[in-house]
C-alpha atoms as a PDB file:
ATOM      1  CA  ALA A   1     -18.887  20.552 -11.357  1.00  0.00           C
ATOM      2  CA  ALA A   2     -16.485  17.728 -12.096  1.00  0.00           C
ATOM      3  CA  GLU A   3     -13.506  20.058 -12.195  1.00  0.00           C
ATOM      4  CA  LYS A   4     -14.435  21.557  -8.755  1.00  0.00           C
ATOM      5  CA  VAL A   5     -14.482  18.066  -7.329  1.00  0.00           C
ATOM      6  CA  VAL A   6     -10.885  17.486  -8.395  1.00  0.00           C
ATOM      7  CA  GLU A   7      -9.615  20.658  -6.820  1.00  0.00           C
ATOM      8  CA  LYS A   8     -11.690  20.482  -3.620  1.00  0.00           C
ATOM      9  CA  GLU A   9     -11.773  16.872  -2.794  1.00  0.00           C
ATOM     10  CA  TRP A  10      -8.554  15.570  -4.107  1.00  0.00           C
ATOM     11  CA  ASN A  11      -6.457  14.619  -0.992  1.00  0.00           C
ATOM     12  CA  PHE A  12      -3.325  13.135  -2.219  1.00  0.00           C
ATOM     13  CA  THR A  13       0.009  15.004  -1.472  1.00  0.00           C
ATOM     14  CA  VAL A  14       1.708  13.311  -4.276  1.00  0.00           C
ATOM     15  CA  GLN A  15      -0.689  12.549  -7.162  1.00  0.00           C
ATOM     16  CA  PRO A  16       0.526   9.619  -9.183  1.00  0.00           C
ATOM     17  CA  GLY A  17      -3.041   8.863 -10.074  1.00  0.00           C
ATOM     18  CA  ALA A  18      -4.357  12.446 -10.505  1.00  0.00           C
ATOM     19  CA  HIS A  19      -5.261  11.872 -14.227  1.00  0.00           C
ATOM     20  CA  ILE A  20      -7.040   8.681 -13.436  1.00  0.00           C
ATOM     21  CA  PHE A  21      -9.164  10.488 -10.793  1.00  0.00           C
ATOM     22  CA  GLU A  22      -9.815  13.313 -13.075  1.00  0.00           C
ATOM     23  CA  ARG A  23     -11.011  11.122 -15.808  1.00  0.00           C
ATOM     24  CA  LEU A  24     -13.245   9.146 -13.560  1.00  0.00           C
ATOM     25  CA  SER A  25     -14.585  12.197 -12.033  1.00  0.00           C
ATOM     26  CA  GLU A  26     -15.695  13.441 -15.509  1.00  0.00           C
ATOM     27  CA  MET A  27     -17.628  10.346 -16.246  1.00  0.00           C
ATOM     28  CA  PRO A  28     -21.233  11.625 -16.746  1.00  0.00           C
ATOM     29  CA  VAL A  29     -23.157   8.994 -14.807  1.00  0.00           C
ATOM     30  CA  LYS A  30     -22.769   8.807 -11.006  1.00  0.00           C
ATOM     31  CA  LEU A  31     -24.230   6.226  -8.544  1.00  0.00           C
ATOM     32  CA  GLY A  32     -26.358   8.953  -7.267  1.00  0.00           C
ATOM     33  CA  ASP A  33     -28.011   9.282 -10.706  1.00  0.00           C
ATOM     34  CA  ILE A  34     -29.105   5.561 -11.116  1.00  0.00           C
ATOM     35  CA  SER A  35     -30.013   4.619  -7.520  1.00  0.00           C
ATOM     36  CA  TYR A  36     -32.073   5.428  -4.373  1.00  0.00           C
ATOM     37  CA  ILE A  37     -29.899   5.244  -1.314  1.00  0.00           C
ATOM     38  CA  PHE A  38     -31.503   4.942   2.130  1.00  0.00           C
ATOM     39  CA  VAL A  39     -30.301   4.743   5.708  1.00  0.00           C
ATOM     40  CA  GLY A  40     -31.047   2.104   8.217  1.00  0.00           C
ATOM     41  CA  LEU A  41     -33.985   1.975  10.540  1.00  0.00           C
ATOM     42  CA  GLN A  42     -34.011   4.358  13.424  1.00  0.00           C
ATOM     43  CA  THR A  43     -35.785   3.230  16.552  1.00  0.00           C
ATOM     44  CA  SER A  44     -34.936   6.279  18.810  1.00  0.00           C
ATOM     45  CA  ALA A  45     -34.678   3.682  21.625  1.00  0.00           C
ATOM     46  CA  ASP A  46     -32.188   0.785  20.586  1.00  0.00           C
ATOM     47  CA  THR A  47     -31.997  -0.448  24.050  1.00  0.00           C
ATOM     48  CA  VAL A  48     -35.681  -1.434  23.968  1.00  0.00           C
ATOM     49  CA  PHE A  49     -35.980  -2.424  20.214  1.00  0.00           C
ATOM     50  CA  LEU A  50     -32.628  -3.992  19.358  1.00  0.00           C
ATOM     51  CA  PHE A  51     -31.346  -7.385  20.535  1.00  0.00           C
ATOM     52  CA  LYS A  52     -27.806  -8.405  20.054  1.00  0.00           C
ATOM     53  CA  GLU A  53     -28.333 -11.681  22.011  1.00  0.00           C
ATOM     54  CA  PHE A  54     -31.140 -13.921  20.864  1.00  0.00           C
ATOM     55  CA  GLU A  55     -32.161 -17.459  20.411  1.00  0.00           C
ATOM     56  CA  GLU A  56     -35.044 -19.053  18.514  1.00  0.00           C
ATOM     57  CA  MET A  57     -37.164 -21.427  20.481  1.00  0.00           C
ATOM     58  CA  ALA A  58     -38.864 -24.600  19.321  1.00  0.00           C
ATOM     59  CA  ASN A  59     -42.325 -22.777  19.168  1.00  0.00           C
ATOM     60  CA  GLY A  60     -40.989 -19.986  16.769  1.00  0.00           C
ATOM     61  CA  ASP A  61     -40.876 -17.354  19.618  1.00  0.00           C
ATOM     62  CA  PHE A  62     -37.512 -15.818  20.458  1.00  0.00           C
ATOM     63  CA  LYS A  63     -35.680 -15.539  23.725  1.00  0.00           C
ATOM     64  CA  VAL A  64     -33.787 -12.153  23.508  1.00  0.00           C
ATOM     65  CA  MET A  65     -31.720 -10.094  25.946  1.00  0.00           C
ATOM     66  CA  SER A  66     -33.381  -6.724  26.575  1.00  0.00           C
ATOM     67  CA  LYS A  67     -30.626  -4.118  27.190  1.00  0.00           C
ATOM     68  CA  GLU A  68     -33.147  -1.719  28.669  1.00  0.00           C
ATOM     69  CA  LEU A  69     -34.538  -4.297  31.276  1.00  0.00           C
ATOM     70  CA  GLY A  70     -31.092  -5.923  31.630  1.00  0.00           C
ATOM     71  CA  SER A  71     -32.870  -9.249  31.554  1.00  0.00           C
ATOM     72  CA  SER A  72     -33.938 -11.960  29.107  1.00  0.00           C
ATOM     73  CA  ILE A  73     -37.482 -11.970  27.797  1.00  0.00           C
ATOM     74  CA  GLU A  74     -39.548 -13.904  25.205  1.00  0.00           C
ATOM     75  CA  LEU A  75     -41.114 -12.253  22.159  1.00  0.00           C
ATOM     76  CA  GLU A  76     -43.142 -13.559  19.236  1.00  0.00           C
ATOM     77  CA  GLY A  77     -40.763 -14.425  16.402  1.00  0.00           C
ATOM     78  CA  SER A  78     -42.987 -12.992  13.657  1.00  0.00           C
ATOM     79  CA  ILE A  79     -42.568  -9.415  15.063  1.00  0.00           C
ATOM     80  CA  LEU A  80     -38.831  -9.584  14.826  1.00  0.00           C
ATOM     81  CA  LYS A  81     -36.549  -8.895  11.810  1.00  0.00           C
ATOM     82  CA  PRO A  82     -33.080  -9.927  11.150  1.00  0.00           C
ATOM     83  CA  VAL A  83     -30.384  -7.143  11.472  1.00  0.00           C
ATOM     84  CA  ILE A  84     -26.988  -6.902   9.982  1.00  0.00           C
ATOM     85  CA  ARG A  85     -24.394  -5.071  12.104  1.00  0.00           C
ATOM     86  CA  SER A  86     -21.151  -3.482  11.378  1.00  0.00           C
ATOM     87  CA  GLY A  87     -18.339  -6.041  11.361  1.00  0.00           C
ATOM     88  CA  ASN A  88     -20.766  -8.751  10.197  1.00  0.00           C
ATOM     89  CA  ILE A  89     -20.967  -7.653   6.544  1.00  0.00           C
ATOM     90  CA  GLY A  90     -18.356  -7.390   3.918  1.00  0.00           C
ATOM     91  CA  ARG A  91     -17.778  -7.667   0.110  1.00  0.00           C
ATOM     92  CA  TYR A  92     -20.255 -10.369  -1.129  1.00  0.00           C
ATOM     93  CA  TRP A  93     -21.160 -11.601   2.388  1.00  0.00           C
ATOM     94  CA  ALA A  94     -23.414 -10.750   5.264  1.00  0.00           C
ATOM     95  CA  ARG A  95     -24.385 -12.450   8.494  1.00  0.00           C
ATOM     96  CA  PRO A  96     -27.363 -11.331  10.635  1.00  0.00           C
ATOM     97  CA  THR A  97     -26.305 -11.145  14.312  1.00  0.00           C
ATOM     98  CA  ALA A  98     -29.139  -9.258  15.910  1.00  0.00           C
ATOM     99  CA  GLN A  99     -32.862  -8.846  15.777  1.00  0.00           C
ATOM    100  CA  VAL A 100     -35.060  -5.688  15.865  1.00  0.00           C
ATOM    101  CA  LEU A 101     -38.649  -5.449  17.184  1.00  0.00           C
ATOM    102  CA  PHE A 102     -40.596  -4.247  14.183  1.00  0.00           C
ATOM    103  CA  PRO A 103     -44.193  -3.610  15.328  1.00  0.00           C
ATOM    104  CA  TYR A 104     -45.517  -3.164  11.719  1.00  0.00           C
ATOM    105  CA  HIS A 105     -47.330  -5.246   9.251  1.00  0.00           C
ATOM    106  CA  PHE A 106     -47.125  -4.722   5.429  1.00  0.00           C
ATOM    107  CA  GLN A 107     -50.029  -3.659   3.392  1.00  0.00           C
ATOM    108  CA  ASN A 108     -49.621  -3.276  -0.287  1.00  0.00           C
ATOM    109  CA  GLY A 109     -45.874  -2.875   0.312  1.00  0.00           C
ATOM    110  CA  LYS A 110     -46.385  -0.247   2.879  1.00  0.00           C
ATOM    111  CA  ALA A 111     -45.414  -0.642   6.624  1.00  0.00           C
ATOM    112  CA  GLN A 112     -48.514  -0.093   8.799  1.00  0.00           C
ATOM    113  CA  LEU A 113     -48.095   0.168  12.718  1.00  0.00           C
ATOM    114  CA  ILE A 114     -49.923  -2.933  14.247  1.00  0.00           C
ATOM    115  CA  PRO A 115     -52.755  -1.364  16.234  1.00  0.00           C
ATOM    116  CA  GLU A 116     -52.845  -1.830  20.093  1.00  0.00           C
ATOM    117  CA  SER A 117     -55.874  -4.173  19.922  1.00  0.00           C
ATOM    118  CA  LYS A 118     -54.062  -6.432  17.541  1.00  0.00           C
ATOM    119  CA  LEU A 119     -50.877  -6.360  19.493  1.00  0.00           C
ATOM    120  CA  LYS A 120     -52.663  -7.235  22.672  1.00  0.00           C
ATOM    121  CA  ASN A 121     -54.495 -10.267  21.058  1.00  0.00           C
ATOM    122  CA  ASN A 122     -51.773 -11.593  18.691  1.00  0.00           C
ATOM    123  CA  TYR A 123     -48.511 -10.424  20.268  1.00  0.00           C
ATOM    124  CA  SER A 124     -49.286 -10.652  23.966  1.00  0.00           C
ATOM    125  CA  LYS A 125     -45.576 -11.166  24.841  1.00  0.00           C
ATOM    126  CA  THR A 126     -44.387  -8.248  22.825  1.00  0.00           C
ATOM    127  CA  TRP A 127     -47.351  -6.097  24.123  1.00  0.00           C
ATOM    128  CA  SER A 128     -46.379  -6.639  27.729  1.00  0.00           C
ATOM    129  CA  TYR A 129     -42.783  -6.010  26.946  1.00  0.00           C
ATOM    130  CA  LEU A 130     -43.492  -2.601  25.243  1.00  0.00           C
ATOM    131  CA  ASN A 131     -45.786  -1.604  28.189  1.00  0.00           C
ATOM    132  CA  GLU A 132     -42.958  -2.376  30.621  1.00  0.00           C
ATOM    133  CA  ASN A 133     -40.919   0.342  28.607  1.00  0.00           C
ATOM    134  CA  LYS A 134     -43.815   2.688  27.891  1.00  0.00           C
ATOM    135  CA  LYS A 135     -42.552   5.590  29.870  1.00  0.00           C
ATOM    136  CA  LEU A 136     -39.227   5.701  27.953  1.00  0.00           C
ATOM    137  CA  LEU A 137     -40.973   5.011  24.622  1.00  0.00           C
ATOM    138  CA  VAL A 138     -43.559   7.872  25.155  1.00  0.00           C
ATOM    139  CA  GLY A 139     -40.819  10.304  25.968  1.00  0.00           C
ATOM    140  CA  ARG A 140     -38.742   9.691  22.823  1.00  0.00           C
ATOM    141  CA  GLU A 141     -38.105  12.651  20.542  1.00  0.00           C
ATOM    142  CA  HIS A 142     -39.705  15.063  23.039  1.00  0.00           C
ATOM    143  CA  GLY A 143     -42.952  13.041  23.091  1.00  0.00           C
ATOM    144  CA  LYS A 144     -43.373  13.339  19.353  1.00  0.00           C
ATOM    145  CA  PHE A 145     -44.781   9.712  18.854  1.00  0.00           C
ATOM    146  CA  LYS A 146     -47.461  10.059  21.677  1.00  0.00           C
ATOM    147  CA  GLN A 147     -50.276  10.787  19.212  1.00  0.00           C
ATOM    148  CA  THR A 148     -49.137   8.652  16.182  1.00  0.00           C
ATOM    149  CA  GLY A 149     -48.204   5.561  18.147  1.00  0.00           C
ATOM    150  CA  TRP A 150     -46.011   5.474  21.301  1.00  0.00           C
ATOM    151  CA  TYR A 151     -44.332   2.193  20.338  1.00  0.00           C
ATOM    152  CA  GLN A 152     -43.539   3.084  16.699  1.00  0.00           C
ATOM    153  CA  LEU A 153     -40.175   3.412  15.165  1.00  0.00           C
ATOM    154  CA  TYR A 154     -38.962   6.647  13.517  1.00  0.00           C
ATOM    155  CA  PRO A 155     -41.210   6.936  10.507  1.00  0.00           C
ATOM    156  CA  LYS A 156     -38.507   6.769   7.803  1.00  0.00           C
ATOM    157  CA  ASN A 157     -37.393   3.949   5.446  1.00  0.00           C
ATOM    158  CA  LEU A 158     -39.693   1.459   7.131  1.00  0.00           C
ATOM    159  CA  ASP A 159     -40.848  -0.244   3.966  1.00  0.00           C
ATOM    160  CA  VAL A 160     -37.739  -0.248   1.766  1.00  0.00           C
ATOM    161  CA  TRP A 161     -35.720  -3.137   3.535  1.00  0.00           C
ATOM    162  CA  GLU A 162     -37.926  -6.076   2.461  1.00  0.00           C
ATOM    163  CA  GLN A 163     -36.795  -6.192  -1.273  1.00  0.00           C
ATOM    164  CA  PRO A 164     -33.770  -7.207  -3.224  1.00  0.00           C
ATOM    165  CA  LYS A 165     -31.159  -4.453  -2.520  1.00  0.00           C
ATOM    166  CA  ILE A 166     -27.566  -3.730  -2.230  1.00  0.00           C
ATOM    167  CA  MET A 167     -26.298  -3.234   1.350  1.00  0.00           C
ATOM    168  CA  ILE A 168     -23.345  -0.982   1.847  1.00  0.00           C
ATOM    169  CA  PRO A 169     -21.824  -1.031   5.403  1.00  0.00           C
ATOM    170  CA  TYR A 170     -20.669   2.427   6.685  1.00  0.00           C
ATOM    171  CA  MET A 171     -17.460   1.843   8.563  1.00  0.00           C
ATOM    172  CA  VAL A 172     -15.084  -0.206   6.273  1.00  0.00           C
ATOM    173  CA  THR A 173     -11.497  -0.743   5.475  1.00  0.00           C
ATOM    174  CA  ARG A 174     -12.568  -1.240   1.938  1.00  0.00           C
ATOM    175  CA  LEU A 175     -15.713  -0.178   0.030  1.00  0.00           C
ATOM    176  CA  SER A 176     -18.158  -3.051   0.463  1.00  0.00           C
ATOM    177  CA  ALA A 177     -21.319  -4.275  -1.028  1.00  0.00           C
ATOM    178  CA  TYR A 178     -23.544  -7.066  -0.474  1.00  0.00           C
ATOM    179  CA  LEU A 179     -26.458  -8.090  -2.746  1.00  0.00           C
ATOM    180  CA  ASP A 180     -29.226  -9.097  -0.405  1.00  0.00           C
ATOM    181  CA  ARG A 181     -32.125 -11.229  -1.238  1.00  0.00           C
ATOM    182  CA  GLU A 182     -32.999 -12.406   2.417  1.00  0.00           C
ATOM    183  CA  ASN A 183     -34.718  -9.054   3.483  1.00  0.00           C
ATOM    184  CA  TYR A 184     -32.054  -8.182   5.983  1.00  0.00           C
ATOM    185  CA  TYR A 185     -32.311  -4.892   7.767  1.00  0.00           C
ATOM    186  CA  PHE A 186     -29.720  -2.250   8.872  1.00  0.00           C
ATOM    187  CA  VAL A 187     -30.413  -0.309  12.132  1.00  0.00           C
ATOM    188  CA  ASN A 188     -28.820   3.183  12.187  1.00  0.00           C
ATOM    189  CA  VAL A 189     -25.993   4.081   9.831  1.00  0.00           C
ATOM    190  CA  THR A 190     -22.819   4.092  11.808  1.00  0.00           C
ATOM    191  CA  THR A 191     -23.471   0.480  13.221  1.00  0.00           C
ATOM    192  CA  GLY A 192     -24.999  -0.448   9.954  1.00  0.00           C
ATOM    193  CA  GLY A 193     -25.058   1.457   6.587  1.00  0.00           C
ATOM    194  CA  PHE A 194     -27.078   2.174   3.662  1.00  0.00           C
ATOM    195  CA  GLY A 195     -29.534   0.194   1.467  1.00  0.00           C
ATOM    196  CA  LEU A 196     -29.576   0.845  -2.244  1.00  0.00           C
ATOM    197  CA  VAL A 197     -31.921   0.087  -5.071  1.00  0.00           C
ATOM    198  CA  LEU A 198     -31.578   1.014  -8.754  1.00  0.00           C
ATOM    199  CA  ILE A 199     -33.895   3.401 -10.561  1.00  0.00           C
ATOM    200  CA  ALA A 200     -32.138   2.930 -13.838  1.00  0.00           C
ATOM    201  CA  LEU A 201     -33.418  -0.349 -15.120  1.00  0.00           C
ATOM    202  CA  ASP A 202     -30.799  -0.913 -17.868  1.00  0.00           C
ATOM    203  CA  LEU A 203     -28.205  -1.938 -15.301  1.00  0.00           C
ATOM    204  CA  SER A 204     -28.530  -4.878 -12.978  1.00  0.00           C
ATOM    205  CA  MET A 205     -27.985  -5.105  -9.149  1.00  0.00           C
ATOM    206  CA  GLU A 206     -25.273  -7.773  -9.757  1.00  0.00           C
ATOM    207  CA  TYR A 207     -23.373  -5.457 -12.185  1.00  0.00           C
ATOM    208  CA  ILE A 208     -23.455  -2.616  -9.686  1.00  0.00           C
ATOM    209  CA  THR A 209     -22.426  -4.881  -6.821  1.00  0.00           C
ATOM    210  CA  GLY A 210     -19.370  -5.883  -8.850  1.00  0.00           C
ATOM    211  CA  LEU A 211     -18.314  -2.289  -9.572  1.00  0.00           C
ATOM    212  CA  LEU A 212     -18.769  -1.318  -5.920  1.00  0.00           C
ATOM    213  CA  ASN A 213     -16.594  -4.114  -4.653  1.00  0.00           C
ATOM    214  CA  SER A 214     -13.920  -3.493  -7.317  1.00  0.00           C
ATOM    215  CA  LYS A 215     -10.464  -2.127  -6.358  1.00  0.00           C
ATOM    216  CA  LEU A 216     -10.979   0.729  -8.768  1.00  0.00           C
ATOM    217  CA  LEU A 217     -14.128   2.237  -7.116  1.00  0.00           C
ATOM    218  CA  ASP A 218     -12.535   1.497  -3.624  1.00  0.00           C
ATOM    219  CA  TRP A 219      -9.452   3.588  -4.763  1.00  0.00           C
ATOM    220  CA  PHE A 220     -11.757   6.375  -6.100  1.00  0.00           C
ATOM    221  CA  MET A 221     -13.744   6.308  -2.870  1.00  0.00           C
ATOM    222  CA  ARG A 222     -10.397   6.821  -0.888  1.00  0.00           C
ATOM    223  CA  GLN A 223      -9.698   9.997  -2.706  1.00  0.00           C
ATOM    224  CA  VAL A 224     -13.082  11.529  -1.735  1.00  0.00           C
ATOM    225  CA  SER A 225     -14.011  10.049   1.539  1.00  0.00           C
ATOM    226  CA  THR A 226     -13.042  10.689   5.156  1.00  0.00           C
ATOM    227  CA  ASN A 227     -10.078   8.418   6.039  1.00  0.00           C
ATOM    228  CA  PHE A 228      -9.356   7.530   9.609  1.00  0.00           C
ATOM    229  CA  ASN A 229      -5.835   6.647  10.975  1.00  0.00           C
ATOM    230  CA  SER A 230      -7.099   3.188  11.783  1.00  0.00           C
ATOM    231  CA  GLY A 231      -7.314   2.311   8.059  1.00  0.00           C
ATOM    232  CA  TYR A 232     -11.082   2.658   8.158  1.00  0.00           C
ATOM    233  CA  MET A 233     -13.133   4.956   6.030  1.00  0.00           C
ATOM    234  CA  ALA A 234     -16.666   6.123   6.171  1.00  0.00           C
ATOM    235  CA  ALA A 235     -18.907   5.202   3.313  1.00  0.00           C
ATOM    236  CA  ASN A 236     -20.915   8.402   3.615  1.00  0.00           C
ATOM    237  CA  LYS A 237     -23.852   8.918   1.234  1.00  0.00           C
ATOM    238  CA  GLN A 238     -22.327  12.293   0.005  1.00  0.00           C
ATOM    239  CA  PHE A 239     -19.178  10.259  -1.194  1.00  0.00           C
ATOM    240  CA  LEU A 240     -21.109   7.120  -2.508  1.00  0.00           C
ATOM    241  CA  VAL A 241     -23.316   9.424  -4.823  1.00  0.00           C
ATOM    242  CA  GLN A 242     -20.146  10.687  -6.575  1.00  0.00           C
ATOM    243  CA  LEU A 243     -18.854   7.224  -7.588  1.00  0.00           C
ATOM    244  CA  PRO A 244     -18.530   7.069 -11.389  1.00  0.00           C
ATOM    245  CA  ILE A 245     -20.629   4.335 -12.913  1.00  0.00           C
ATOM    246  CA  ARG A 246     -19.704   2.757 -16.250  1.00  0.00           C
ATOM    247  CA  THR A 247     -23.125   2.369 -18.137  1.00  0.00           C
ATOM    248  CA  ILE A 248     -23.790  -0.396 -20.491  1.00  0.00           C
ATOM    249  CA  ASP A 249     -25.091  -0.061 -24.050  1.00  0.00           C
ATOM    250  CA  PRO A 250     -27.233  -3.259 -24.404  1.00  0.00           C
ATOM    251  CA  THR A 251     -27.097  -2.880 -28.269  1.00  0.00           C
ATOM    252  CA  ASN A 252     -23.275  -3.047 -28.193  1.00  0.00           C
ATOM    253  CA  PRO A 253     -22.350  -6.804 -28.106  1.00  0.00           C
ATOM    254  CA  THR A 254     -18.927  -6.143 -26.301  1.00  0.00           C
ATOM    255  CA  ASP A 255     -20.865  -4.079 -23.580  1.00  0.00           C
ATOM    256  CA  ALA A 256     -23.603  -6.737 -23.241  1.00  0.00           C
ATOM    257  CA  ALA A 257     -21.061  -9.617 -22.994  1.00  0.00           C
ATOM    258  CA  ALA A 258     -19.018  -7.593 -20.298  1.00  0.00           C
ATOM    259  CA  HIS A 259     -22.246  -7.000 -18.376  1.00  0.00           C
ATOM    260  CA  ASP A 260     -23.258 -10.711 -18.443  1.00  0.00           C
ATOM    261  CA  GLN A 261     -19.654 -11.724 -17.440  1.00  0.00           C
ATOM    262  CA  MET A 262     -19.864  -9.516 -14.492  1.00  0.00           C
ATOM    263  CA  VAL A 263     -23.209 -10.835 -13.377  1.00  0.00           C
ATOM    264  CA  ALA A 264     -21.955 -14.383 -13.671  1.00  0.00           C
ATOM    265  CA  LEU A 265     -18.681 -13.558 -11.681  1.00  0.00           C
ATOM    266  CA  VAL A 266     -20.757 -11.805  -8.848  1.00  0.00           C
ATOM    267  CA  GLU A 267     -23.220 -14.646  -8.631  1.00  0.00           C
ATOM    268  CA  ARG A 268     -20.207 -17.011  -8.338  1.00  0.00           C
ATOM    269  CA  MET A 269     -18.737 -14.743  -5.503  1.00  0.00           C
ATOM    270  CA  LEU A 270     -21.982 -14.663  -3.618  1.00  0.00           C
ATOM    271  CA  ASP A 271     -22.219 -18.487  -3.815  1.00  0.00           C
ATOM    272  CA  LEU A 272     -18.497 -19.133  -2.924  1.00  0.00           C
ATOM    273  CA  HIS A 273     -18.792 -16.859   0.130  1.00  0.00           C
ATOM    274  CA  LYS A 274     -21.894 -18.882   1.309  1.00  0.00           C
ATOM    275  CA  ARG A 275     -20.068 -22.130   0.783  1.00  0.00           C
ATOM    276  CA  HIS A 276     -17.015 -20.871   2.456  1.00  0.00           C
ATOM    277  CA  ALA A 277     -19.019 -19.804   5.568  1.00  0.00           C
ATOM    278  CA  ALA A 278     -20.808 -23.045   5.718  1.00  0.00           C
ATOM    279  CA  GLU A 279     -17.736 -25.297   5.219  1.00  0.00           C
ATOM    280  CA  ALA A 280     -16.185 -27.094   8.282  1.00  0.00           C
ATOM    281  CA  ASN A 281     -13.351 -28.894   6.503  1.00  0.00           C
ATOM    282  CA  PRO A 282     -10.289 -26.758   6.584  1.00  0.00           C
ATOM    283  CA  GLN A 283      -8.837 -28.056   3.393  1.00  0.00           C
ATOM    284  CA  VAL A 284     -11.976 -27.441   1.378  1.00  0.00           C
ATOM    285  CA  LYS A 285     -12.241 -23.963   3.036  1.00  0.00           C
ATOM    286  CA  THR A 286      -8.733 -23.145   1.816  1.00  0.00           C
ATOM    287  CA  VAL A 287      -9.783 -24.227  -1.738  1.00  0.00           C
ATOM    288  CA  LEU A 288     -12.763 -22.015  -1.565  1.00  0.00           C
ATOM    289  CA  GLN A 289     -10.830 -19.104  -0.341  1.00  0.00           C
ATOM    290  CA  ARG A 290      -8.400 -19.371  -3.363  1.00  0.00           C
ATOM    291  CA  GLN A 291     -11.390 -19.594  -5.773  1.00  0.00           C
ATOM    292  CA  ILE A 292     -12.732 -16.394  -4.025  1.00  0.00           C
ATOM    293  CA  GLU A 293      -9.480 -14.550  -4.540  1.00  0.00           C
ATOM    294  CA  MET A 294      -9.228 -15.655  -8.258  1.00  0.00           C
ATOM    295  CA  THR A 295     -12.888 -14.588  -8.946  1.00  0.00           C
ATOM    296  CA  ASP A 296     -12.265 -11.348  -7.166  1.00  0.00           C
ATOM    297  CA  ARG A 297      -9.188 -10.723  -9.372  1.00  0.00           C
ATOM    298  CA  GLN A 298     -11.228 -11.467 -12.509  1.00  0.00           C
ATOM    299  CA  ILE A 299     -13.781  -8.866 -11.445  1.00  0.00           C
ATOM    300  CA  ASP A 300     -11.119  -6.203 -10.891  1.00  0.00           C
ATOM    301  CA  LEU A 301      -9.577  -6.937 -14.355  1.00  0.00           C
ATOM    302  CA  LEU A 302     -12.991  -6.730 -15.916  1.00  0.00           C
ATOM    303  CA  VAL A 303     -13.733  -3.343 -14.118  1.00  0.00           C
ATOM    304  CA  TYR A 304     -10.224  -1.906 -15.342  1.00  0.00           C
ATOM    305  CA  GLU A 305     -11.265  -3.051 -18.794  1.00  0.00           C
ATOM    306  CA  LEU A 306     -14.668  -1.459 -18.700  1.00  0.00           C
ATOM    307  CA  TYR A 307     -13.376   1.916 -17.358  1.00  0.00           C
ATOM    308  CA  GLY A 308     -10.570   1.809 -20.054  1.00  0.00           C
ATOM    309  CA  LEU A 309      -7.534   1.820 -17.723  1.00  0.00           C
ATOM    310  CA  ILE A 310      -4.113   1.072 -19.409  1.00  0.00           C
ATOM    311  CA  GLU A 311      -1.518  -1.034 -17.706  1.00  0.00           C
ATOM    312  CA  GLU A 312       0.401   1.753 -16.013  1.00  0.00           C
ATOM    313  CA  GLU A 313      -2.867   3.062 -14.534  1.00  0.00           C
ATOM    314  CA  ILE A 314      -3.802  -0.481 -13.288  1.00  0.00           C
ATOM    315  CA  ALA A 315      -0.390  -0.630 -11.573  1.00  0.00           C
ATOM    316  CA  ILE A 316      -1.104   2.689  -9.806  1.00  0.00           C
ATOM    317  CA  VAL A 317      -4.490   1.498  -8.560  1.00  0.00           C
ATOM    318  CA  ASP A 318      -3.261  -1.892  -7.668  1.00  0.00           C
ATOM    319  CA  ALA A 319      -0.430  -0.587  -5.704  1.00  0.00           C
ATOM    320  CA  THR A 320      -2.703   1.637  -3.422  1.00  0.00           C
ATOM    321  CA  ALA A 321      -5.341  -1.066  -2.790  1.00  0.00           C
END
C-alpha cells in the first residue's frame, strides 16, 4: 500500500524530497496503528449549548451569553465544561475560550444523561434555560432525540475527553499537538479538532506529542493533506493516520535514551509555554520565547536523528518548513 500512497498522494511538482517521503511512507508503523483518534463533541445546536462569552461568578455559577436567546443568562458552573476553540491552541499550548453545557454525569467513566428530575432539583437555572429552548432541541436531527432525551448531545465521544490526551487542532498553518491534562473539550472538528489517546503502551504521550510537533512530520503532512492558499492545511483524520511513527525499542539503550530525552524536552516546552503565557514582564517574555525556540530546535534535531535523516535531507525539510 505504501507505493500507492506515493503515486497517488504526492503533490509536489518538483520533488527534491521525493526519496525522503518515500522512505517515511514505507515505515511500518503509522499513527493510526498506535492510537485512537476521536472528533469533538457535537451538540446539534451550538447556539444553545456553546458559549463564547462567559464569566465565573463568586458563587461558582457562570454568566454566559446565549446566542440562541441573544441574551445573557446564568447557569450552574458544574454543568459546564471548558472548550478549546480554533485559534486558541497551537504547538504545546492551549487556552480555553468557551464553555459547553454538558448535561451528563460520569458513572464508572461513562457519561450518563442527567435525568429530568435531577436537573430540576440540582440545576434549576440550567433546567429553565433548556426549557426555553425546548422546541428547537426537540426538533434536532429530525426529532431523533425526543425519546432518548430531548436535551442530550449527539451520543458520540461523550466520555473520552476527561482523560490525558493529545489535542490536534484541525485548521492549522503547522501540524500542532497539545498534551492536555486539564480535561479540555473540543466541540466539532472544523472549529476544534481531534483528540488522541495511545493504544500502544510502549510509547508515551509526550514522545508522540514531540513527533507531531516536529518539522519533519509537519513536512510529511503537507505532502498528503489538503493545502489552502491562505497557508492553512486541514489536519484531517485520513491524513493523520498516515503519519509515520518511529517506534522505540526499550531494550536498546540508544533508543531508550532518545525516548527519555524527547519526554524531557516536551515537558520543558509545555512548561515554557505556560510560563510565557503568564509572564507580564516583556524582557522575561523575550527570554522565555528564546528558550522555547531553542528547545523546539532540539526536538527537531532529535526527530531527524530518530528518523535517520542525513544532512542534505535535513536541509530539504528545513527549507520548506
